[in-house]
Amino acid sequence: MSLLTLYHSPTSPFVRKCVVVLHETGQLADVTLSPAAGTPIDPGTMPLSHNPLGKIPALERPDGCTLFDSRVICRFLNDRGAGVLYPTGQRGWEALTLEAMADGITDAAILMVYETRARPEDKRFDGWVNGQWAKVERSLDALESRWIAYLAGPLCIGHIALACTLGYLDFRHAERDWRRGRPALAAWEARFAARAAMQATMPA
């Protein structure tokens, strides 16, 4: 019998990050995945009674408040499963920074999607979309130039967050070809994407 309920969408990169953590820490059988979908304009089936922000993922527990957002949920799941995804010392701060950068890229990429899906065509602003993509490109360039050595190290939450982010760029913004000019990052992503947890959680 599952102990936890994760409100989710299979296309959400933030949800995917949590589900990858479940796989990597051996806790998938402890969680019921409950579908939820919506936008800032129409919350749809988002679990508003569990997360008043109207966002997923949200993790309902039998013995405490519902947890959100993905960073909180992943930290909880790692602790619950006695995982090793959060190193200590200097490497720990770097793991959290890498996770924050990955999540920031994802935020920008999602805002680009909302601009075309949620905003009427006559109110769309190309400058806004281009500004969001500029954030993505700056971050990807920083990853290529300064983070490859870290990415070669032991598995941590930063690796998982980044891999889910890059997968989302492929899923929603493939035409922008994030790999162009970033061979080291592209090679790392190809290796990491082969992990069983990543293969099992590919968006569709």
N, C-alpha and C. Protein backbone atom coordinates (compact mmCIF):
# COMPACT_ATOMS: atom_id res chain seq x y z
N MET A 1 0.85 -1.20 0.00
CA MET A 1 0.00 0.00 0.00
C MET A 1 0.88 1.24 0.00
N SER A 2 0.60 2.18 -0.89
CA SER A 2 1.43 3.39 -0.97
C SER A 2 1.19 4.27 0.24
N LEU A 3 2.21 4.97 0.63
CA LEU A 3 2.16 5.82 1.82
C LEU A 3 2.03 7.29 1.48
N LEU A 4 2.39 7.66 0.28
CA LEU A 4 2.45 9.06 -0.13
C LEU A 4 1.69 9.23 -1.45
N THR A 5 1.22 10.45 -1.70
CA THR A 5 0.58 10.77 -2.97
C THR A 5 1.31 11.94 -3.60
N LEU A 6 1.79 11.73 -4.82
CA LEU A 6 2.47 12.78 -5.56
C LEU A 6 1.56 13.27 -6.68
N TYR A 7 1.12 14.52 -6.59
CA TYR A 7 0.33 15.12 -7.64
C TYR A 7 1.28 15.48 -8.77
N HIS A 8 0.95 15.01 -9.97
CA HIS A 8 1.97 15.03 -11.01
C HIS A 8 1.36 15.18 -12.40
N SER A 9 2.25 15.54 -13.33
CA SER A 9 2.01 15.45 -14.76
C SER A 9 3.26 14.84 -15.37
N PRO A 10 3.13 13.89 -16.29
CA PRO A 10 4.32 13.25 -16.84
C PRO A 10 5.17 14.17 -17.71
N THR A 11 4.63 15.33 -18.08
CA THR A 11 5.41 16.26 -18.90
C THR A 11 6.11 17.34 -18.09
N SER A 12 5.86 17.39 -16.79
CA SER A 12 6.48 18.42 -15.94
C SER A 12 7.91 18.03 -15.59
N PRO A 13 8.88 18.87 -15.91
CA PRO A 13 10.27 18.55 -15.54
C PRO A 13 10.50 18.58 -14.04
N PHE A 14 9.72 19.40 -13.32
CA PHE A 14 9.85 19.44 -11.87
C PHE A 14 9.31 18.17 -11.24
N VAL A 15 8.20 17.66 -11.77
CA VAL A 15 7.69 16.37 -11.32
C VAL A 15 8.69 15.27 -11.67
N ARG A 16 9.21 15.32 -12.88
CA ARG A 16 10.15 14.28 -13.30
C ARG A 16 11.33 14.22 -12.34
N LYS A 17 11.82 15.35 -11.91
CA LYS A 17 12.94 15.36 -10.97
C LYS A 17 12.59 14.55 -9.72
N CYS A 18 11.39 14.74 -9.19
CA CYS A 18 10.97 14.01 -8.00
C CYS A 18 10.84 12.52 -8.27
N VAL A 19 10.30 12.16 -9.42
CA VAL A 19 10.11 10.75 -9.72
C VAL A 19 11.46 10.07 -9.97
N VAL A 20 12.40 10.77 -10.58
CA VAL A 20 13.75 10.21 -10.72
C VAL A 20 14.36 9.95 -9.35
N VAL A 21 14.17 10.87 -8.42
CA VAL A 21 14.66 10.64 -7.05
C VAL A 21 14.01 9.41 -6.44
N LEU A 22 12.71 9.23 -6.67
CA LEU A 22 12.04 8.02 -6.18
C LEU A 22 12.70 6.77 -6.74
N HIS A 23 12.98 6.78 -8.03
CA HIS A 23 13.66 5.63 -8.64
C HIS A 23 15.03 5.42 -8.03
N GLU A 24 15.81 6.49 -7.94
CA GLU A 24 17.20 6.37 -7.49
C GLU A 24 17.31 5.96 -6.02
N THR A 25 16.28 6.25 -5.24
CA THR A 25 16.31 5.90 -3.81
C THR A 25 15.42 4.71 -3.48
N GLY A 26 14.87 4.04 -4.49
CA GLY A 26 14.12 2.82 -4.27
C GLY A 26 12.79 2.99 -3.57
N GLN A 27 12.11 4.12 -3.81
CA GLN A 27 10.86 4.39 -3.08
C GLN A 27 9.63 4.48 -3.98
N LEU A 28 9.75 4.10 -5.23
CA LEU A 28 8.64 4.29 -6.16
C LEU A 28 7.37 3.58 -5.69
N ALA A 29 7.51 2.41 -5.10
CA ALA A 29 6.34 1.64 -4.66
C ALA A 29 5.62 2.29 -3.48
N ASP A 30 6.25 3.25 -2.84
CA ASP A 30 5.64 3.91 -1.69
C ASP A 30 4.76 5.09 -2.07
N VAL A 31 4.67 5.37 -3.36
CA VAL A 31 4.00 6.61 -3.79
C VAL A 31 2.93 6.31 -4.83
N THR A 32 1.75 6.93 -4.64
CA THR A 32 0.71 6.93 -5.65
C THR A 32 0.85 8.20 -6.48
N LEU A 33 0.87 8.05 -7.80
CA LEU A 33 0.94 9.20 -8.69
C LEU A 33 -0.48 9.62 -9.05
N SER A 34 -0.85 10.83 -8.69
CA SER A 34 -2.19 11.35 -8.93
C SER A 34 -2.13 12.44 -9.99
N PRO A 35 -2.75 12.23 -11.16
CA PRO A 35 -2.64 13.21 -12.25
C PRO A 35 -3.22 14.57 -11.87
N ALA A 36 -2.57 15.62 -12.35
CA ALA A 36 -3.04 17.00 -12.14
C ALA A 36 -2.55 17.84 -13.30
N ALA A 37 -3.37 18.79 -13.72
CA ALA A 37 -2.98 19.64 -14.84
C ALA A 37 -3.70 20.98 -14.73
N GLY A 38 -3.05 22.02 -15.25
CA GLY A 38 -3.65 23.35 -15.24
C GLY A 38 -2.63 24.39 -15.65
N THR A 39 -3.05 25.64 -15.67
CA THR A 39 -2.17 26.76 -16.00
C THR A 39 -2.42 27.88 -15.00
N PRO A 40 -1.60 28.93 -15.02
CA PRO A 40 -1.86 30.07 -14.13
C PRO A 40 -3.22 30.73 -14.40
N ILE A 41 -3.73 30.56 -15.62
CA ILE A 41 -5.02 31.16 -15.97
C ILE A 41 -6.17 30.25 -15.57
N ASP A 42 -6.01 28.96 -15.75
CA ASP A 42 -7.04 27.98 -15.43
C ASP A 42 -6.40 26.86 -14.62
N PRO A 43 -6.64 26.82 -13.29
CA PRO A 43 -5.98 25.80 -12.47
C PRO A 43 -6.40 24.38 -12.77
N GLY A 44 -7.49 24.20 -13.51
CA GLY A 44 -7.89 22.86 -13.92
C GLY A 44 -8.01 21.91 -12.75
N THR A 45 -7.21 20.85 -12.78
CA THR A 45 -7.26 19.83 -11.72
C THR A 45 -6.08 19.94 -10.76
N MET A 46 -5.44 21.09 -10.74
CA MET A 46 -4.34 21.25 -9.80
C MET A 46 -4.84 21.08 -8.36
N PRO A 47 -3.99 20.53 -7.48
CA PRO A 47 -4.42 20.22 -6.11
C PRO A 47 -4.42 21.47 -5.22
N LEU A 48 -5.36 22.37 -5.45
CA LEU A 48 -5.36 23.65 -4.75
C LEU A 48 -5.51 23.50 -3.24
N SER A 49 -6.22 22.47 -2.81
CA SER A 49 -6.40 22.27 -1.37
C SER A 49 -5.11 21.80 -0.70
N HIS A 50 -4.18 21.29 -1.50
CA HIS A 50 -2.90 20.82 -0.96
C HIS A 50 -1.78 21.82 -1.20
N ASN A 51 -1.84 22.51 -2.31
CA ASN A 51 -0.87 23.57 -2.61
C ASN A 51 -1.64 24.78 -3.13
N PRO A 52 -1.84 25.78 -2.28
CA PRO A 52 -2.63 26.95 -2.70
C PRO A 52 -2.00 27.72 -3.86
N LEU A 53 -0.73 27.48 -4.14
CA LEU A 53 -0.09 28.13 -5.29
C LEU A 53 -0.57 27.52 -6.61
N GLY A 54 -1.24 26.37 -6.53
CA GLY A 54 -1.76 25.76 -7.74
C GLY A 54 -0.69 25.19 -8.64
N LYS A 55 0.35 24.62 -8.04
CA LYS A 55 1.46 24.08 -8.81
C LYS A 55 1.71 22.63 -8.43
N ILE A 56 2.35 21.93 -9.35
CA ILE A 56 2.86 20.60 -9.09
C ILE A 56 4.37 20.62 -9.33
N PRO A 57 5.07 19.71 -8.67
CA PRO A 57 4.61 18.61 -7.83
C PRO A 57 4.19 19.07 -6.44
N ALA A 58 3.31 18.27 -5.85
CA ALA A 58 2.94 18.43 -4.45
C ALA A 58 2.86 17.03 -3.87
N LEU A 59 3.46 16.83 -2.71
CA LEU A 59 3.55 15.51 -2.10
C LEU A 59 2.71 15.47 -0.83
N GLU A 60 1.61 14.72 -0.89
CA GLU A 60 0.72 14.58 0.26
C GLU A 60 1.23 13.45 1.15
N ARG A 61 1.34 13.77 2.44
CA ARG A 61 1.83 12.77 3.41
C ARG A 61 0.75 12.46 4.43
N PRO A 62 0.74 11.25 4.99
CA PRO A 62 -0.26 10.93 6.00
C PRO A 62 0.04 11.53 7.37
N ASP A 63 1.27 11.99 7.56
CA ASP A 63 1.69 12.42 8.90
C ASP A 63 2.32 13.82 8.90
N GLY A 64 1.81 14.69 8.05
CA GLY A 64 2.35 16.05 8.04
C GLY A 64 1.77 16.84 6.90
N CYS A 65 2.21 18.08 6.78
CA CYS A 65 1.69 18.94 5.71
C CYS A 65 2.11 18.43 4.35
N THR A 66 1.34 18.79 3.32
CA THR A 66 1.72 18.50 1.95
C THR A 66 2.96 19.32 1.60
N LEU A 67 3.93 18.68 0.97
CA LEU A 67 5.19 19.35 0.66
C LEU A 67 5.20 19.85 -0.78
N PHE A 68 5.77 21.02 -0.98
CA PHE A 68 6.04 21.59 -2.30
C PHE A 68 7.12 22.62 -2.08
N ASP A 69 7.95 22.99 -3.06
CA ASP A 69 7.99 22.59 -4.45
C ASP A 69 8.95 21.42 -4.64
N SER A 70 9.49 21.25 -5.85
CA SER A 70 10.32 20.07 -6.12
C SER A 70 11.57 20.01 -5.25
N ARG A 71 12.14 21.15 -4.92
CA ARG A 71 13.37 21.12 -4.12
C ARG A 71 13.10 20.60 -2.72
N VAL A 72 11.97 20.99 -2.16
CA VAL A 72 11.59 20.50 -0.83
C VAL A 72 11.26 19.01 -0.90
N ILE A 73 10.49 18.62 -1.91
CA ILE A 73 10.09 17.22 -2.04
C ILE A 73 11.31 16.32 -2.23
N CYS A 74 12.22 16.72 -3.09
CA CYS A 74 13.41 15.89 -3.33
C CYS A 74 14.25 15.74 -2.08
N ARG A 75 14.39 16.81 -1.32
CA ARG A 75 15.16 16.73 -0.08
C ARG A 75 14.50 15.78 0.91
N PHE A 76 13.17 15.87 1.01
CA PHE A 76 12.42 14.98 1.90
C PHE A 76 12.60 13.53 1.46
N LEU A 77 12.42 13.26 0.17
CA LEU A 77 12.52 11.89 -0.32
C LEU A 77 13.92 11.32 -0.13
N ASN A 78 14.93 12.14 -0.33
CA ASN A 78 16.30 11.69 -0.11
C ASN A 78 16.50 11.28 1.35
N ASP A 79 16.02 12.12 2.26
CA ASP A 79 16.17 11.80 3.68
C ASP A 79 15.36 10.56 4.06
N ARG A 80 14.15 10.48 3.53
CA ARG A 80 13.27 9.34 3.84
C ARG A 80 13.87 8.04 3.36
N GLY A 81 14.50 8.07 2.19
CA GLY A 81 15.08 6.86 1.62
C GLY A 81 16.54 6.64 1.94
N ALA A 82 17.07 7.44 2.88
CA ALA A 82 18.49 7.34 3.25
C ALA A 82 19.38 7.45 2.01
N GLY A 83 19.02 8.40 1.15
CA GLY A 83 19.78 8.61 -0.06
C GLY A 83 21.06 9.39 0.17
N VAL A 84 21.84 9.54 -0.89
CA VAL A 84 23.13 10.23 -0.81
C VAL A 84 23.21 11.33 -1.88
N LEU A 85 22.06 11.94 -2.18
CA LEU A 85 22.00 12.92 -3.26
C LEU A 85 22.39 14.33 -2.83
N TYR A 86 22.64 14.53 -1.53
CA TYR A 86 22.98 15.86 -1.03
C TYR A 86 24.31 15.78 -0.29
N PRO A 87 25.40 15.99 -1.00
CA PRO A 87 26.71 15.92 -0.36
C PRO A 87 26.91 17.05 0.64
N THR A 88 27.91 16.88 1.46
CA THR A 88 28.21 17.90 2.47
C THR A 88 29.41 18.73 2.02
N GLY A 89 29.68 19.79 2.78
CA GLY A 89 30.83 20.62 2.51
C GLY A 89 30.70 21.40 1.21
N GLN A 90 31.85 21.71 0.62
CA GLN A 90 31.86 22.52 -0.59
C GLN A 90 31.06 21.89 -1.72
N ARG A 91 31.20 20.58 -1.87
CA ARG A 91 30.47 19.92 -2.95
C ARG A 91 28.95 20.02 -2.73
N GLY A 92 28.53 20.06 -1.48
CA GLY A 92 27.11 20.21 -1.19
C GLY A 92 26.57 21.55 -1.66
N TRP A 93 27.31 22.62 -1.39
CA TRP A 93 26.86 23.95 -1.85
C TRP A 93 26.81 24.00 -3.38
N GLU A 94 27.78 23.34 -3.99
CA GLU A 94 27.79 23.31 -5.46
C GLU A 94 26.60 22.51 -6.00
N ALA A 95 26.23 21.43 -5.32
CA ALA A 95 25.07 20.64 -5.74
C ALA A 95 23.81 21.48 -5.70
N LEU A 96 23.64 22.25 -4.62
CA LEU A 96 22.44 23.09 -4.49
C LEU A 96 22.44 24.21 -5.52
N THR A 97 23.62 24.75 -5.81
CA THR A 97 23.70 25.81 -6.82
C THR A 97 23.39 25.26 -8.20
N LEU A 98 23.90 24.07 -8.51
CA LEU A 98 23.60 23.44 -9.79
C LEU A 98 22.10 23.16 -9.91
N GLU A 99 21.49 22.69 -8.84
CA GLU A 99 20.04 22.45 -8.85
C GLU A 99 19.29 23.76 -9.09
N ALA A 100 19.71 24.82 -8.41
CA ALA A 100 19.05 26.11 -8.59
C ALA A 100 19.19 26.62 -10.02
N MET A 101 20.36 26.44 -10.62
CA MET A 101 20.54 26.88 -12.01
C MET A 101 19.67 26.06 -12.95
N ALA A 102 19.62 24.75 -12.73
CA ALA A 102 18.76 23.91 -13.57
C ALA A 102 17.30 24.31 -13.43
N ASP A 103 16.86 24.54 -12.21
CA ASP A 103 15.47 24.95 -12.00
C ASP A 103 15.19 26.31 -12.63
N GLY A 104 16.17 27.21 -12.59
CA GLY A 104 15.99 28.51 -13.22
C GLY A 104 15.86 28.40 -14.73
N ILE A 105 16.65 27.51 -15.34
CA ILE A 105 16.51 27.26 -16.77
C ILE A 105 15.11 26.74 -17.07
N THR A 106 14.66 25.81 -16.25
CA THR A 106 13.33 25.23 -16.45
C THR A 106 12.25 26.30 -16.32
N ASP A 107 12.36 27.16 -15.32
CA ASP A 107 11.39 28.24 -15.15
C ASP A 107 11.30 29.09 -16.41
N ALA A 108 12.45 29.47 -16.95
CA ALA A 108 12.47 30.30 -18.15
C ALA A 108 11.85 29.57 -19.33
N ALA A 109 12.17 28.29 -19.47
CA ALA A 109 11.63 27.50 -20.59
C ALA A 109 10.12 27.34 -20.48
N ILE A 110 9.61 27.18 -19.26
CA ILE A 110 8.16 27.06 -19.07
C ILE A 110 7.47 28.39 -19.36
N LEU A 111 8.06 29.48 -18.95
CA LEU A 111 7.47 30.79 -19.25
C LEU A 111 7.37 31.02 -20.76
N MET A 112 8.33 30.53 -21.50
CA MET A 112 8.27 30.63 -22.96
C MET A 112 7.06 29.86 -23.50
N VAL A 113 6.80 28.69 -22.93
CA VAL A 113 5.65 27.90 -23.36
C VAL A 113 4.35 28.62 -23.03
N TYR A 114 4.26 29.17 -21.82
CA TYR A 114 3.05 29.88 -21.42
C TYR A 114 2.78 31.08 -22.32
N GLU A 115 3.84 31.72 -22.78
CA GLU A 115 3.65 32.91 -23.62
C GLU A 115 2.88 32.57 -24.90
N THR A 116 3.10 31.39 -25.42
CA THR A 116 2.41 31.01 -26.65
C THR A 116 1.14 30.21 -26.40
N ARG A 117 1.07 29.50 -25.27
CA ARG A 117 -0.09 28.66 -25.02
C ARG A 117 -1.19 29.34 -24.20
N ALA A 118 -0.78 30.24 -23.31
CA ALA A 118 -1.76 30.82 -22.40
C ALA A 118 -2.11 32.27 -22.73
N ARG A 119 -1.29 32.93 -23.52
CA ARG A 119 -1.54 34.34 -23.83
C ARG A 119 -2.17 34.46 -25.23
N PRO A 120 -3.20 35.28 -25.39
CA PRO A 120 -3.77 35.48 -26.73
C PRO A 120 -2.71 35.97 -27.71
N GLU A 121 -2.86 35.58 -28.96
CA GLU A 121 -1.83 35.86 -29.96
C GLU A 121 -1.53 37.35 -30.09
N ASP A 122 -2.55 38.18 -30.00
CA ASP A 122 -2.34 39.62 -30.17
C ASP A 122 -1.66 40.27 -28.98
N LYS A 123 -1.48 39.52 -27.89
CA LYS A 123 -0.82 40.06 -26.70
C LYS A 123 0.54 39.42 -26.45
N ARG A 124 0.99 38.57 -27.34
CA ARG A 124 2.29 37.92 -27.16
C ARG A 124 3.42 38.91 -27.45
N PHE A 125 4.53 38.71 -26.74
CA PHE A 125 5.65 39.64 -26.82
C PHE A 125 6.92 38.85 -27.10
N ASP A 126 7.41 38.96 -28.32
CA ASP A 126 8.60 38.21 -28.70
C ASP A 126 9.81 38.58 -27.84
N GLY A 127 9.88 39.83 -27.42
CA GLY A 127 11.00 40.26 -26.58
C GLY A 127 11.04 39.49 -25.27
N TRP A 128 9.88 39.19 -24.75
CA TRP A 128 9.80 38.42 -23.50
C TRP A 128 10.34 37.00 -23.72
N VAL A 129 9.91 36.37 -24.81
CA VAL A 129 10.37 35.02 -25.12
C VAL A 129 11.88 35.02 -25.34
N ASN A 130 12.38 35.96 -26.09
CA ASN A 130 13.82 36.03 -26.36
C ASN A 130 14.61 36.27 -25.08
N GLY A 131 14.05 37.08 -24.18
CA GLY A 131 14.72 37.34 -22.91
C GLY A 131 14.81 36.09 -22.05
N GLN A 132 13.77 35.27 -22.08
CA GLN A 132 13.80 34.02 -21.32
C GLN A 132 14.83 33.06 -21.92
N TRP A 133 14.87 32.99 -23.25
CA TRP A 133 15.85 32.09 -23.88
C TRP A 133 17.27 32.58 -23.63
N ALA A 134 17.46 33.88 -23.52
CA ALA A 134 18.80 34.40 -23.21
C ALA A 134 19.28 33.89 -21.85
N LYS A 135 18.37 33.80 -20.89
CA LYS A 135 18.73 33.22 -19.58
C LYS A 135 19.18 31.78 -19.75
N VAL A 136 18.43 31.04 -20.56
CA VAL A 136 18.76 29.64 -20.79
C VAL A 136 20.15 29.51 -21.43
N GLU A 137 20.40 30.30 -22.45
CA GLU A 137 21.68 30.19 -23.16
C GLU A 137 22.87 30.58 -22.28
N ARG A 138 22.71 31.65 -21.49
CA ARG A 138 23.80 32.04 -20.58
C ARG A 138 24.12 30.91 -19.61
N SER A 139 23.08 30.29 -19.11
CA SER A 139 23.28 29.21 -18.13
C SER A 139 23.92 27.99 -18.79
N LEU A 140 23.45 27.65 -19.98
CA LEU A 140 24.05 26.51 -20.68
C LEU A 140 25.52 26.76 -21.00
N ASP A 141 25.84 27.98 -21.38
CA ASP A 141 27.24 28.33 -21.66
C ASP A 141 28.09 28.22 -20.39
N ALA A 142 27.52 28.64 -19.26
CA ALA A 142 28.25 28.50 -17.99
C ALA A 142 28.46 27.04 -17.64
N LEU A 143 27.47 26.21 -17.88
CA LEU A 143 27.61 24.78 -17.62
C LEU A 143 28.72 24.19 -18.48
N GLU A 144 28.75 24.56 -19.75
CA GLU A 144 29.76 24.04 -20.68
C GLU A 144 31.16 24.47 -20.27
N SER A 145 31.30 25.69 -19.79
CA SER A 145 32.64 26.23 -19.54
C SER A 145 33.14 25.99 -18.12
N ARG A 146 32.22 25.81 -17.15
CA ARG A 146 32.67 25.78 -15.76
C ARG A 146 32.18 24.59 -14.93
N TRP A 147 31.26 23.79 -15.44
CA TRP A 147 30.65 22.77 -14.60
C TRP A 147 30.91 21.34 -15.04
N ILE A 148 31.61 21.13 -16.12
CA ILE A 148 31.77 19.78 -16.64
C ILE A 148 32.55 18.89 -15.65
N ALA A 149 33.55 19.42 -15.02
CA ALA A 149 34.31 18.63 -14.05
C ALA A 149 33.42 18.19 -12.89
N TYR A 150 32.57 19.09 -12.43
CA TYR A 150 31.65 18.73 -11.35
C TYR A 150 30.67 17.66 -11.81
N LEU A 151 30.16 17.80 -13.02
CA LEU A 151 29.21 16.83 -13.54
C LEU A 151 29.81 15.43 -13.67
N ALA A 152 31.13 15.35 -13.77
CA ALA A 152 31.80 14.06 -13.86
C ALA A 152 31.89 13.35 -12.51
N GLY A 153 31.52 14.04 -11.44
CA GLY A 153 31.63 13.49 -10.09
C GLY A 153 30.45 12.62 -9.70
N PRO A 154 30.39 12.24 -8.42
CA PRO A 154 29.34 11.35 -7.94
C PRO A 154 27.94 11.94 -8.11
N LEU A 155 26.96 11.07 -8.28
CA LEU A 155 25.57 11.47 -8.47
C LEU A 155 25.09 12.35 -7.33
N CYS A 156 24.43 13.46 -7.68
CA CYS A 156 23.82 14.33 -6.68
C CYS A 156 22.55 14.93 -7.26
N ILE A 157 21.83 15.67 -6.43
CA ILE A 157 20.56 16.27 -6.86
C ILE A 157 20.77 17.24 -8.03
N GLY A 158 21.93 17.86 -8.12
CA GLY A 158 22.19 18.76 -9.22
C GLY A 158 22.20 18.05 -10.55
N HIS A 159 22.81 16.85 -10.58
CA HIS A 159 22.81 16.05 -11.80
C HIS A 159 21.38 15.75 -12.26
N ILE A 160 20.56 15.31 -11.32
CA ILE A 160 19.18 14.92 -11.65
C ILE A 160 18.40 16.12 -12.15
N ALA A 161 18.51 17.25 -11.44
CA ALA A 161 17.78 18.45 -11.85
C ALA A 161 18.20 18.88 -13.25
N LEU A 162 19.50 18.89 -13.51
CA LEU A 162 19.98 19.34 -14.81
C LEU A 162 19.53 18.39 -15.92
N ALA A 163 19.62 17.10 -15.70
CA ALA A 163 19.21 16.14 -16.72
C ALA A 163 17.73 16.30 -17.06
N CYS A 164 16.90 16.52 -16.05
CA CYS A 164 15.47 16.73 -16.30
C CYS A 164 15.23 18.03 -17.06
N THR A 165 16.01 19.04 -16.74
CA THR A 165 15.90 20.32 -17.44
C THR A 165 16.26 20.17 -18.91
N LEU A 166 17.37 19.52 -19.19
CA LEU A 166 17.80 19.34 -20.58
C LEU A 166 16.79 18.49 -21.35
N GLY A 167 16.22 17.51 -20.67
CA GLY A 167 15.17 16.72 -21.31
C GLY A 167 13.96 17.57 -21.66
N TYR A 168 13.65 18.53 -20.80
CA TYR A 168 12.51 19.41 -21.08
C TYR A 168 12.81 20.33 -22.27
N LEU A 169 14.04 20.80 -22.37
CA LEU A 169 14.41 21.62 -23.53
C LEU A 169 14.24 20.81 -24.81
N ASP A 170 14.60 19.55 -24.79
CA ASP A 170 14.37 18.70 -25.96
C ASP A 170 12.88 18.53 -26.24
N PHE A 171 12.11 18.40 -25.17
CA PHE A 171 10.68 18.10 -25.30
C PHE A 171 9.89 19.31 -25.82
N ARG A 172 10.20 20.50 -25.33
CA ARG A 172 9.40 21.68 -25.66
C ARG A 172 10.11 22.67 -26.59
N HIS A 173 11.43 22.62 -26.67
CA HIS A 173 12.16 23.63 -27.45
C HIS A 173 13.23 22.98 -28.31
N ALA A 174 12.91 21.84 -28.89
CA ALA A 174 13.92 21.10 -29.66
C ALA A 174 14.47 21.91 -30.82
N GLU A 175 13.64 22.77 -31.39
CA GLU A 175 14.07 23.53 -32.57
C GLU A 175 15.18 24.52 -32.24
N ARG A 176 15.38 24.84 -30.98
CA ARG A 176 16.43 25.78 -30.59
C ARG A 176 17.79 25.09 -30.41
N ASP A 177 17.80 23.77 -30.37
CA ASP A 177 19.03 22.98 -30.41
C ASP A 177 20.04 23.44 -29.35
N TRP A 178 19.72 23.17 -28.08
CA TRP A 178 20.59 23.60 -26.98
C TRP A 178 21.99 22.99 -27.07
N ARG A 179 22.14 21.86 -27.78
CA ARG A 179 23.45 21.19 -27.86
C ARG A 179 24.45 21.93 -28.74
N ARG A 180 23.98 22.77 -29.63
CA ARG A 180 24.87 23.44 -30.59
C ARG A 180 25.93 24.26 -29.86
N GLY A 181 27.19 23.96 -30.12
CA GLY A 181 28.29 24.69 -29.51
C GLY A 181 28.61 24.25 -28.09
N ARG A 182 27.97 23.16 -27.62
CA ARG A 182 28.21 22.70 -26.24
C ARG A 182 28.46 21.20 -26.24
N PRO A 183 29.54 20.76 -26.84
CA PRO A 183 29.77 19.31 -27.00
C PRO A 183 29.97 18.57 -25.68
N ALA A 184 30.62 19.20 -24.71
CA ALA A 184 30.86 18.50 -23.44
C ALA A 184 29.55 18.29 -22.68
N LEU A 185 28.73 19.31 -22.65
CA LEU A 185 27.44 19.19 -21.97
C LEU A 185 26.55 18.18 -22.69
N ALA A 186 26.57 18.21 -24.00
CA ALA A 186 25.77 17.27 -24.77
C ALA A 186 26.22 15.82 -24.51
N ALA A 187 27.52 15.62 -24.42
CA ALA A 187 28.02 14.27 -24.16
C ALA A 187 27.63 13.80 -22.77
N TRP A 188 27.72 14.71 -21.80
CA TRP A 188 27.30 14.34 -20.44
C TRP A 188 25.82 13.97 -20.42
N GLU A 189 24.98 14.78 -21.07
CA GLU A 189 23.54 14.51 -21.08
C GLU A 189 23.24 13.16 -21.70
N ALA A 190 23.92 12.82 -22.78
CA ALA A 190 23.68 11.53 -23.44
C ALA A 190 23.98 10.37 -22.51
N ARG A 191 25.07 10.48 -21.74
CA ARG A 191 25.40 9.42 -20.80
C ARG A 191 24.37 9.35 -19.67
N PHE A 192 24.01 10.49 -19.13
CA PHE A 192 23.10 10.49 -17.99
C PHE A 192 21.69 10.04 -18.40
N ALA A 193 21.28 10.42 -19.60
CA ALA A 193 19.95 10.06 -20.08
C ALA A 193 19.77 8.56 -20.23
N ALA A 194 20.88 7.81 -20.27
CA ALA A 194 20.80 6.36 -20.40
C ALA A 194 20.50 5.67 -19.08
N ARG A 195 20.54 6.40 -17.96
CA ARG A 195 20.24 5.80 -16.67
C ARG A 195 18.81 5.25 -16.68
N ALA A 196 18.60 4.16 -15.95
CA ALA A 196 17.28 3.54 -15.93
C ALA A 196 16.20 4.51 -15.44
N ALA A 197 16.53 5.31 -14.43
CA ALA A 197 15.54 6.25 -13.89
C ALA A 197 15.14 7.29 -14.89
N MET A 198 16.07 7.72 -15.75
CA MET A 198 15.75 8.70 -16.77
C MET A 198 14.94 8.07 -17.89
N GLN A 199 15.30 6.86 -18.27
CA GLN A 199 14.56 6.17 -19.33
C GLN A 199 13.11 5.91 -18.91
N ALA A 200 12.91 5.61 -17.64
CA ALA A 200 11.57 5.29 -17.14
C ALA A 200 10.68 6.52 -16.99
N THR A 201 11.26 7.70 -17.05
CA THR A 201 10.49 8.92 -16.77
C THR A 201 10.47 9.88 -17.95
N MET A 202 10.79 9.42 -19.13
CA MET A 202 10.81 10.31 -20.29
C MET A 202 9.43 10.90 -20.56
N PRO A 203 9.34 12.21 -20.79
CA PRO A 203 8.03 12.81 -21.07
C PRO A 203 7.50 12.37 -22.43
N ALA A 204 6.19 12.29 -22.51
CA ALA A 204 5.56 11.87 -23.77
C ALA A 204 4.23 12.56 -23.94
